[in-house]
PDB file of N, CA and C in Angstrom:
ATOM      1  N   MET A   1       0.845  -1.190   0.000  1.00  0.00           N
ATOM      2  CA  MET A   1       0.000   0.000   0.000  1.00  0.00           C
ATOM      3  C   MET A   1       0.880   1.241   0.000  1.00  0.00           C
ATOM      4  N   LYS A   2       0.523   2.174  -0.833  1.00  0.00           N
ATOM      5  CA  LYS A   2       1.254   3.438  -0.907  1.00  0.00           C
ATOM      6  C   LYS A   2       0.433   4.542  -0.259  1.00  0.00           C
ATOM      7  N   GLN A   3       1.131   5.538   0.233  1.00  0.00           N
ATOM      8  CA  GLN A   3       0.472   6.722   0.768  1.00  0.00           C
ATOM      9  C   GLN A   3       0.035   7.584  -0.413  1.00  0.00           C
ATOM     10  N   VAL A   4      -1.162   8.159  -0.330  1.00  0.00           N
ATOM     11  CA  VAL A   4      -1.680   9.028  -1.377  1.00  0.00           C
ATOM     12  C   VAL A   4      -1.742  10.448  -0.822  1.00  0.00           C
ATOM     13  N   ALA A   5      -1.142  11.397  -1.546  1.00  0.00           N
ATOM     14  CA  ALA A   5      -1.135  12.796  -1.118  1.00  0.00           C
ATOM     15  C   ALA A   5      -1.713  13.666  -2.231  1.00  0.00           C
ATOM     16  N   LEU A   6      -2.378  14.723  -1.849  1.00  0.00           N
ATOM     17  CA  LEU A   6      -2.901  15.699  -2.802  1.00  0.00           C
ATOM     18  C   LEU A   6      -2.126  16.997  -2.646  1.00  0.00           C
ATOM     19  N   THR A   7      -1.795  17.612  -3.775  1.00  0.00           N
ATOM     20  CA  THR A   7      -1.177  18.931  -3.706  1.00  0.00           C
ATOM     21  C   THR A   7      -2.241  19.935  -3.275  1.00  0.00           C
ATOM     22  N   ALA A   8      -1.813  21.127  -2.887  1.00  0.00           N
ATOM     23  CA  ALA A   8      -2.769  22.173  -2.497  1.00  0.00           C
ATOM     24  C   ALA A   8      -3.710  22.476  -3.656  1.00  0.00           C
ATOM     25  N   GLN A   9      -3.184  22.491  -4.880  1.00  0.00           N
ATOM     26  CA  GLN A   9      -4.008  22.764  -6.057  1.00  0.00           C
ATOM     27  C   GLN A   9      -5.067  21.675  -6.232  1.00  0.00           C
ATOM     28  N   ALA A  10      -4.681  20.412  -6.056  1.00  0.00           N
ATOM     29  CA  ALA A  10      -5.630  19.308  -6.203  1.00  0.00           C
ATOM     30  C   ALA A  10      -6.701  19.351  -5.117  1.00  0.00           C
ATOM     31  N   MET A  11      -6.318  19.724  -3.894  1.00  0.00           N
ATOM     32  CA  MET A  11      -7.314  19.837  -2.823  1.00  0.00           C
ATOM     33  C   MET A  11      -8.337  20.927  -3.143  1.00  0.00           C
ATOM     34  N   GLU A  12      -7.857  22.022  -3.685  1.00  0.00           N
ATOM     35  CA  GLU A  12      -8.756  23.112  -4.069  1.00  0.00           C
ATOM     36  C   GLU A  12      -9.678  22.665  -5.206  1.00  0.00           C
ATOM     37  N   GLN A  13      -9.127  21.961  -6.180  1.00  0.00           N
ATOM     38  CA  GLN A  13      -9.940  21.470  -7.295  1.00  0.00           C
ATOM     39  C   GLN A  13     -10.986  20.488  -6.789  1.00  0.00           C
ATOM     40  N   PHE A  14     -10.621  19.633  -5.828  1.00  0.00           N
ATOM     41  CA  PHE A  14     -11.579  18.683  -5.261  1.00  0.00           C
ATOM     42  C   PHE A  14     -12.727  19.419  -4.580  1.00  0.00           C
ATOM     43  N   SER A  15     -12.403  20.442  -3.798  1.00  0.00           N
ATOM     44  CA  SER A  15     -13.457  21.162  -3.077  1.00  0.00           C
ATOM     45  C   SER A  15     -14.356  21.964  -4.018  1.00  0.00           C
ATOM     46  N   ASP A  16     -13.856  22.293  -5.218  1.00  0.00           N
ATOM     47  CA  ASP A  16     -14.665  23.019  -6.200  1.00  0.00           C
ATOM     48  C   ASP A  16     -15.556  22.097  -7.032  1.00  0.00           C
ATOM     49  N   LEU A  17     -15.369  20.790  -6.917  1.00  0.00           N
ATOM     50  CA  LEU A  17     -16.188  19.851  -7.687  1.00  0.00           C
ATOM     51  C   LEU A  17     -17.630  19.868  -7.196  1.00  0.00           C
ATOM     52  N   PRO A  18     -18.573  19.483  -8.070  1.00  0.00           N
ATOM     53  CA  PRO A  18     -19.963  19.348  -7.601  1.00  0.00           C
ATOM     54  C   PRO A  18     -20.039  18.343  -6.454  1.00  0.00           C
ATOM     55  N   ARG A  19     -20.861  18.628  -5.479  1.00  0.00           N
ATOM     56  CA  ARG A  19     -20.979  17.760  -4.289  1.00  0.00           C
ATOM     57  C   ARG A  19     -21.326  16.316  -4.666  1.00  0.00           C
ATOM     58  N   SER A  20     -22.080  16.125  -5.741  1.00  0.00           N
ATOM     59  CA  SER A  20     -22.486  14.775  -6.138  1.00  0.00           C
ATOM     60  C   SER A  20     -21.317  13.967  -6.695  1.00  0.00           C
ATOM     61  N   ILE A  21     -20.266  14.622  -7.161  1.00  0.00           N
ATOM     62  CA  ILE A  21     -19.108  13.947  -7.752  1.00  0.00           C
ATOM     63  C   ILE A  21     -18.049  13.630  -6.701  1.00  0.00           C
ATOM     64  N   GLN A  22     -17.973  14.412  -5.641  1.00  0.00           N
ATOM     65  CA  GLN A  22     -16.906  14.264  -4.647  1.00  0.00           C
ATOM     66  C   GLN A  22     -16.791  12.853  -4.062  1.00  0.00           C
ATOM     67  N   PRO A  23     -17.880  12.171  -3.704  1.00  0.00           N
ATOM     68  CA  PRO A  23     -17.714  10.811  -3.164  1.00  0.00           C
ATOM     69  C   PRO A  23     -17.095   9.844  -4.173  1.00  0.00           C
ATOM     70  N   ARG A  24     -17.440   9.983  -5.448  1.00  0.00           N
ATOM     71  CA  ARG A  24     -16.861   9.115  -6.481  1.00  0.00           C
ATOM     72  C   ARG A  24     -15.363   9.359  -6.603  1.00  0.00           C
ATOM     73  N   ILE A  25     -14.970  10.625  -6.605  1.00  0.00           N
ATOM     74  CA  ILE A  25     -13.549  10.969  -6.699  1.00  0.00           C
ATOM     75  C   ILE A  25     -12.814  10.443  -5.468  1.00  0.00           C
ATOM     76  N   ASN A  26     -13.422  10.612  -4.305  1.00  0.00           N
ATOM     77  CA  ASN A  26     -12.807  10.142  -3.056  1.00  0.00           C
ATOM     78  C   ASN A  26     -12.580   8.631  -3.088  1.00  0.00           C
ATOM     79  N   ASN A  27     -13.542   7.875  -3.621  1.00  0.00           N
ATOM     80  CA  ASN A  27     -13.381   6.421  -3.720  1.00  0.00           C
ATOM     81  C   ASN A  27     -12.205   6.057  -4.617  1.00  0.00           C
ATOM     82  N   VAL A  28     -12.035   6.780  -5.715  1.00  0.00           N
ATOM     83  CA  VAL A  28     -10.906   6.508  -6.616  1.00  0.00           C
ATOM     84  C   VAL A  28      -9.593   6.839  -5.918  1.00  0.00           C
ATOM     85  N   ILE A  29      -9.560   7.939  -5.179  1.00  0.00           N
ATOM     86  CA  ILE A  29      -8.345   8.311  -4.439  1.00  0.00           C
ATOM     87  C   ILE A  29      -7.982   7.204  -3.445  1.00  0.00           C
ATOM     88  N   LEU A  30      -8.957   6.656  -2.758  1.00  0.00           N
ATOM     89  CA  LEU A  30      -8.703   5.567  -1.808  1.00  0.00           C
ATOM     90  C   LEU A  30      -8.196   4.320  -2.528  1.00  0.00           C
ATOM     91  N   ARG A  31      -8.729   4.036  -3.721  1.00  0.00           N
ATOM     92  CA  ARG A  31      -8.269   2.882  -4.504  1.00  0.00           C
ATOM     93  C   ARG A  31      -6.812   3.036  -4.934  1.00  0.00           C
ATOM     94  N   LEU A  32      -6.380   4.270  -5.172  1.00  0.00           N
ATOM     95  CA  LEU A  32      -5.007   4.501  -5.631  1.00  0.00           C
ATOM     96  C   LEU A  32      -3.960   4.004  -4.636  1.00  0.00           C
ATOM     97  N   ALA A  33      -4.319   3.882  -3.368  1.00  0.00           N
ATOM     98  CA  ALA A  33      -3.380   3.395  -2.351  1.00  0.00           C
ATOM     99  C   ALA A  33      -2.942   1.963  -2.651  1.00  0.00           C
ATOM    100  N   GLN A  34      -3.692   1.246  -3.470  1.00  0.00           N
ATOM    101  CA  GLN A  34      -3.363  -0.138  -3.793  1.00  0.00           C
ATOM    102  C   GLN A  34      -2.449  -0.238  -5.011  1.00  0.00           C
ATOM    103  N   TRP A  35      -1.846   0.861  -5.428  1.00  0.00           N
ATOM    104  CA  TRP A  35      -0.943   0.883  -6.580  1.00  0.00           C
ATOM    105  C   TRP A  35       0.137  -0.177  -6.408  1.00  0.00           C
ATOM    106  N   PRO A  36       0.505  -0.940  -7.405  1.00  0.00           N
ATOM    107  CA  PRO A  36       0.074  -0.894  -8.807  1.00  0.00           C
ATOM    108  C   PRO A  36      -1.085  -1.830  -9.120  1.00  0.00           C
ATOM    109  N   ASN A  37      -1.695  -2.431  -8.109  1.00  0.00           N
ATOM    110  CA  ASN A  37      -2.806  -3.367  -8.323  1.00  0.00           C
ATOM    111  C   ASN A  37      -4.136  -2.646  -8.450  1.00  0.00           C
ATOM    112  N   ILE A  38      -4.210  -1.735  -9.405  1.00  0.00           N
ATOM    113  CA  ILE A  38      -5.432  -0.959  -9.613  1.00  0.00           C
ATOM    114  C   ILE A  38      -5.686  -0.895 -11.111  1.00  0.00           C
ATOM    115  N   SER A  39      -6.920  -1.117 -11.497  1.00  0.00           N
ATOM    116  CA  SER A  39      -7.240  -1.098 -12.925  1.00  0.00           C
ATOM    117  C   SER A  39      -7.702   0.294 -13.340  1.00  0.00           C
ATOM    118  N   GLY A  40      -7.587   0.567 -14.619  1.00  0.00           N
ATOM    119  CA  GLY A  40      -8.109   1.815 -15.161  1.00  0.00           C
ATOM    120  C   GLY A  40      -7.120   2.957 -15.230  1.00  0.00           C
ATOM    121  N   THR A  41      -5.867   2.730 -14.854  1.00  0.00           N
ATOM    122  CA  THR A  41      -4.887   3.810 -14.958  1.00  0.00           C
ATOM    123  C   THR A  41      -4.280   3.802 -16.346  1.00  0.00           C
ATOM    124  N   LYS A  42      -3.820   4.958 -16.770  1.00  0.00           N
ATOM    125  CA  LYS A  42      -3.193   5.079 -18.082  1.00  0.00           C
ATOM    126  C   LYS A  42      -1.978   5.986 -17.955  1.00  0.00           C
ATOM    127  N   ALA A  43      -0.857   5.529 -18.495  1.00  0.00           N
ATOM    128  CA  ALA A  43       0.352   6.356 -18.511  1.00  0.00           C
ATOM    129  C   ALA A  43       0.160   7.456 -19.542  1.00  0.00           C
ATOM    130  N   LEU A  44       0.545   8.669 -19.199  1.00  0.00           N
ATOM    131  CA  LEU A  44       0.412   9.795 -20.110  1.00  0.00           C
ATOM    132  C   LEU A  44       1.694   9.955 -20.921  1.00  0.00           C
ATOM    133  N   THR A  45       1.582  10.621 -22.059  1.00  0.00           N
ATOM    134  CA  THR A  45       2.722  10.794 -22.959  1.00  0.00           C
ATOM    135  C   THR A  45       2.940  12.285 -23.233  1.00  0.00           C
ATOM    136  N   GLY A  46       3.903  12.574 -24.063  1.00  0.00           N
ATOM    137  CA  GLY A  46       4.188  13.960 -24.435  1.00  0.00           C
ATOM    138  C   GLY A  46       4.732  14.744 -23.263  1.00  0.00           C
ATOM    139  N   ASN A  47       4.246  15.982 -23.114  1.00  0.00           N
ATOM    140  CA  ASN A  47       4.759  16.823 -22.022  1.00  0.00           C
ATOM    141  C   ASN A  47       4.275  16.353 -20.651  1.00  0.00           C
ATOM    142  N   LEU A  48       3.372  15.390 -20.600  1.00  0.00           N
ATOM    143  CA  LEU A  48       2.915  14.830 -19.323  1.00  0.00           C
ATOM    144  C   LEU A  48       3.505  13.439 -19.062  1.00  0.00           C
ATOM    145  N   ALA A  49       4.511  13.048 -19.835  1.00  0.00           N
ATOM    146  CA  ALA A  49       5.153  11.741 -19.647  1.00  0.00           C
ATOM    147  C   ALA A  49       5.672  11.636 -18.213  1.00  0.00           C
ATOM    148  N   GLY A  50       5.532  10.445 -17.641  1.00  0.00           N
ATOM    149  CA  GLY A  50       5.932  10.237 -16.251  1.00  0.00           C
ATOM    150  C   GLY A  50       4.763  10.376 -15.287  1.00  0.00           C
ATOM    151  N   ASN A  51       3.626  10.812 -15.806  1.00  0.00           N
ATOM    152  CA  ASN A  51       2.406  10.947 -15.010  1.00  0.00           C
ATOM    153  C   ASN A  51       1.399   9.905 -15.479  1.00  0.00           C
ATOM    154  N   TYR A  52       0.395   9.693 -14.653  1.00  0.00           N
ATOM    155  CA  TYR A  52      -0.681   8.759 -14.964  1.00  0.00           C
ATOM    156  C   TYR A  52      -2.008   9.463 -14.759  1.00  0.00           C
ATOM    157  N   ARG A  53      -3.050   8.858 -15.328  1.00  0.00           N
ATOM    158  CA  ARG A  53      -4.384   9.363 -15.066  1.00  0.00           C
ATOM    159  C   ARG A  53      -5.309   8.189 -14.818  1.00  0.00           C
ATOM    160  N   ILE A  54      -6.349   8.457 -14.047  1.00  0.00           N
ATOM    161  CA  ILE A  54      -7.418   7.499 -13.844  1.00  0.00           C
ATOM    162  C   ILE A  54      -8.710   8.280 -13.995  1.00  0.00           C
ATOM    163  N   ARG A  55      -9.713   7.651 -14.539  1.00  0.00           N
ATOM    164  CA  ARG A  55     -10.942   8.379 -14.790  1.00  0.00           C
ATOM    165  C   ARG A  55     -12.090   7.821 -13.970  1.00  0.00           C
ATOM    166  N   THR A  56     -13.044   8.666 -13.718  1.00  0.00           N
ATOM    167  CA  THR A  56     -14.325   8.261 -13.164  1.00  0.00           C
ATOM    168  C   THR A  56     -15.358   9.158 -13.821  1.00  0.00           C
ATOM    169  N   GLY A  57     -16.178   8.586 -14.659  1.00  0.00           N
ATOM    170  CA  GLY A  57     -17.140   9.375 -15.424  1.00  0.00           C
ATOM    171  C   GLY A  57     -16.416  10.374 -16.307  1.00  0.00           C
ATOM    172  N   ASP A  58     -16.824  11.627 -16.240  1.00  0.00           N
ATOM    173  CA  ASP A  58     -16.210  12.690 -17.049  1.00  0.00           C
ATOM    174  C   ASP A  58     -15.040  13.358 -16.340  1.00  0.00           C
ATOM    175  N   TYR A  59     -14.608  12.823 -15.224  1.00  0.00           N
ATOM    176  CA  TYR A  59     -13.527  13.445 -14.455  1.00  0.00           C
ATOM    177  C   TYR A  59     -12.256  12.618 -14.522  1.00  0.00           C
ATOM    178  N   ARG A  60     -11.127  13.316 -14.444  1.00  0.00           N
ATOM    179  CA  ARG A  60      -9.825  12.675 -14.501  1.00  0.00           C
ATOM    180  C   ARG A  60      -9.003  13.101 -13.285  1.00  0.00           C
ATOM    181  N   ILE A  61      -8.240  12.164 -12.764  1.00  0.00           N
ATOM    182  CA  ILE A  61      -7.309  12.436 -11.672  1.00  0.00           C
ATOM    183  C   ILE A  61      -5.921  12.177 -12.248  1.00  0.00           C
ATOM    184  N   VAL A  62      -5.075  13.198 -12.245  1.00  0.00           N
ATOM    185  CA  VAL A  62      -3.725  13.076 -12.787  1.00  0.00           C
ATOM    186  C   VAL A  62      -2.763  12.988 -11.607  1.00  0.00           C
ATOM    187  N   PHE A  63      -1.855  12.006 -11.673  1.00  0.00           N
ATOM    188  CA  PHE A  63      -0.956  11.784 -10.545  1.00  0.00           C
ATOM    189  C   PHE A  63       0.409  11.301 -11.005  1.00  0.00           C
ATOM    190  N   LYS A  64       1.354  11.416 -10.081  1.00  0.00           N
ATOM    191  CA  LYS A  64       2.727  10.966 -10.287  1.00  0.00           C
ATOM    192  C   LYS A  64       3.034   9.952  -9.190  1.00  0.00           C
ATOM    193  N   VAL A  65       3.783   8.912  -9.541  1.00  0.00           N
ATOM    194  CA  VAL A  65       4.140   7.873  -8.583  1.00  0.00           C
ATOM    195  C   VAL A  65       5.620   8.019  -8.238  1.00  0.00           C
ATOM    196  N   THR A  66       5.913   8.140  -6.944  1.00  0.00           N
ATOM    197  CA  THR A  66       7.294   8.162  -6.475  1.00  0.00           C
ATOM    198  C   THR A  66       7.535   6.869  -5.691  1.00  0.00           C
ATOM    199  N   ALA A  67       8.735   6.682  -5.204  1.00  0.00           N
ATOM    200  CA  ALA A  67       9.056   5.472  -4.448  1.00  0.00           C
ATOM    201  C   ALA A  67       8.198   5.349  -3.195  1.00  0.00           C
ATOM    202  N   GLU A  68       7.898   6.481  -2.553  1.00  0.00           N
ATOM    203  CA  GLU A  68       7.176   6.444  -1.281  1.00  0.00           C
ATOM    204  C   GLU A  68       5.674   6.641  -1.411  1.00  0.00           C
ATOM    205  N   LYS A  69       5.254   7.461  -2.376  1.00  0.00           N
ATOM    206  CA  LYS A  69       3.831   7.797  -2.398  1.00  0.00           C
ATOM    207  C   LYS A  69       3.329   8.152  -3.786  1.00  0.00           C
ATOM    208  N   ILE A  70       2.020   8.331  -3.845  1.00  0.00           N
ATOM    209  CA  ILE A  70       1.337   8.794  -5.050  1.00  0.00           C
ATOM    210  C   ILE A  70       0.934  10.237  -4.800  1.00  0.00           C
ATOM    211  N   ILE A  71       1.309  11.109  -5.718  1.00  0.00           N
ATOM    212  CA  ILE A  71       1.010  12.533  -5.563  1.00  0.00           C
ATOM    213  C   ILE A  71      -0.019  12.936  -6.623  1.00  0.00           C
ATOM    214  N   ILE A  72      -1.213  13.245  -6.171  1.00  0.00           N
ATOM    215  CA  ILE A  72      -2.273  13.714  -7.067  1.00  0.00           C
ATOM    216  C   ILE A  72      -2.102  15.217  -7.219  1.00  0.00           C
ATOM    217  N   TRP A  73      -1.936  15.671  -8.459  1.00  0.00           N
ATOM    218  CA  TRP A  73      -1.711  17.102  -8.661  1.00  0.00           C
ATOM    219  C   TRP A  73      -2.784  17.778  -9.492  1.00  0.00           C
ATOM    220  N   LYS A  74      -3.743  17.009 -10.041  1.00  0.00           N
ATOM    221  CA  LYS A  74      -4.821  17.658 -10.782  1.00  0.00           C
ATOM    222  C   LYS A  74      -6.061  16.788 -10.766  1.00  0.00           C
ATOM    223  N   ILE A  75      -7.209  17.419 -10.523  1.00  0.00           N
ATOM    224  CA  ILE A  75      -8.509  16.764 -10.591  1.00  0.00           C
ATOM    225  C   ILE A  75      -9.400  17.709 -11.384  1.00  0.00           C
ATOM    226  N   ALA A  76      -9.894  17.231 -12.531  1.00  0.00           N
ATOM    227  CA  ALA A  76     -10.692  18.130 -13.373  1.00  0.00           C
ATOM    228  C   ALA A  76     -11.572  17.340 -14.328  1.00  0.00           C
ATOM    229  N   ASN A  77     -12.523  18.049 -14.914  1.00  0.00           N
ATOM    230  CA  ASN A  77     -13.357  17.492 -15.960  1.00  0.00           C
ATOM    231  C   ASN A  77     -12.471  17.149 -17.147  1.00  0.00           C
ATOM    232  N   ARG A  78     -12.832  16.123 -17.894  1.00  0.00           N
ATOM    233  CA  ARG A  78     -11.977  15.677 -18.990  1.00  0.00           C
ATOM    234  C   ARG A  78     -11.746  16.751 -20.035  1.00  0.00           C
ATOM    235  N   LYS A  79     -12.685  17.677 -20.201  1.00  0.00           N
ATOM    236  CA  LYS A  79     -12.501  18.723 -21.208  1.00  0.00           C
ATOM    237  C   LYS A  79     -11.462  19.756 -20.777  1.00  0.00           C
ATOM    238  N   ASP A  80     -11.170  19.821 -19.484  1.00  0.00           N
ATOM    239  CA  ASP A  80     -10.227  20.823 -18.965  1.00  0.00           C
ATOM    240  C   ASP A  80      -8.916  20.245 -18.452  1.00  0.00           C
ATOM    241  N   VAL A  81      -8.861  18.954 -18.243  1.00  0.00           N
ATOM    242  CA  VAL A  81      -7.747  18.381 -17.485  1.00  0.00           C
ATOM    243  C   VAL A  81      -6.390  18.514 -18.161  1.00  0.00           C
ATOM    244  N   TYR A  82      -6.332  18.448 -19.471  1.00  0.00           N
ATOM    245  CA  TYR A  82      -5.031  18.470 -20.146  1.00  0.00           C
ATOM    246  C   TYR A  82      -4.641  19.855 -20.626  1.00  0.00           C
ATOM    247  N   LEU A  83      -5.449  20.861 -20.329  1.00  0.00           N
ATOM    248  CA  LEU A  83      -5.135  22.228 -20.713  1.00  0.00           C
ATOM    249  C   LEU A  83      -4.221  22.850 -19.671  1.00  0.00           C
ATOM    250  N   ASP A  84      -3.314  23.683 -20.067  1.00  0.00           N
ATOM    251  CA  ASP A  84      -2.462  24.470 -19.162  1.00  0.00           C
ATOM    252  C   ASP A  84      -1.317  25.066 -19.907  1.00  0.00           C
TER     253      ASP A  84
END
């Protein structure tokens, strides 16, 4: 089991989500602790290489895996998640 941490930006994005979506996102965050035995993750490419994403409905959670923990740095709707 790995420790899962959210950046300040990800925590803010989580709190801005619709209340009906937050429990679903929270369940996915809890599942991430079982890395790498979790289905539905996808390695990202291009300028996001080295990061992964997992989806739930129209929302995406983007994270990086280190030796000690999983760092979630973005939670957003799929139409906005890869913009920046």
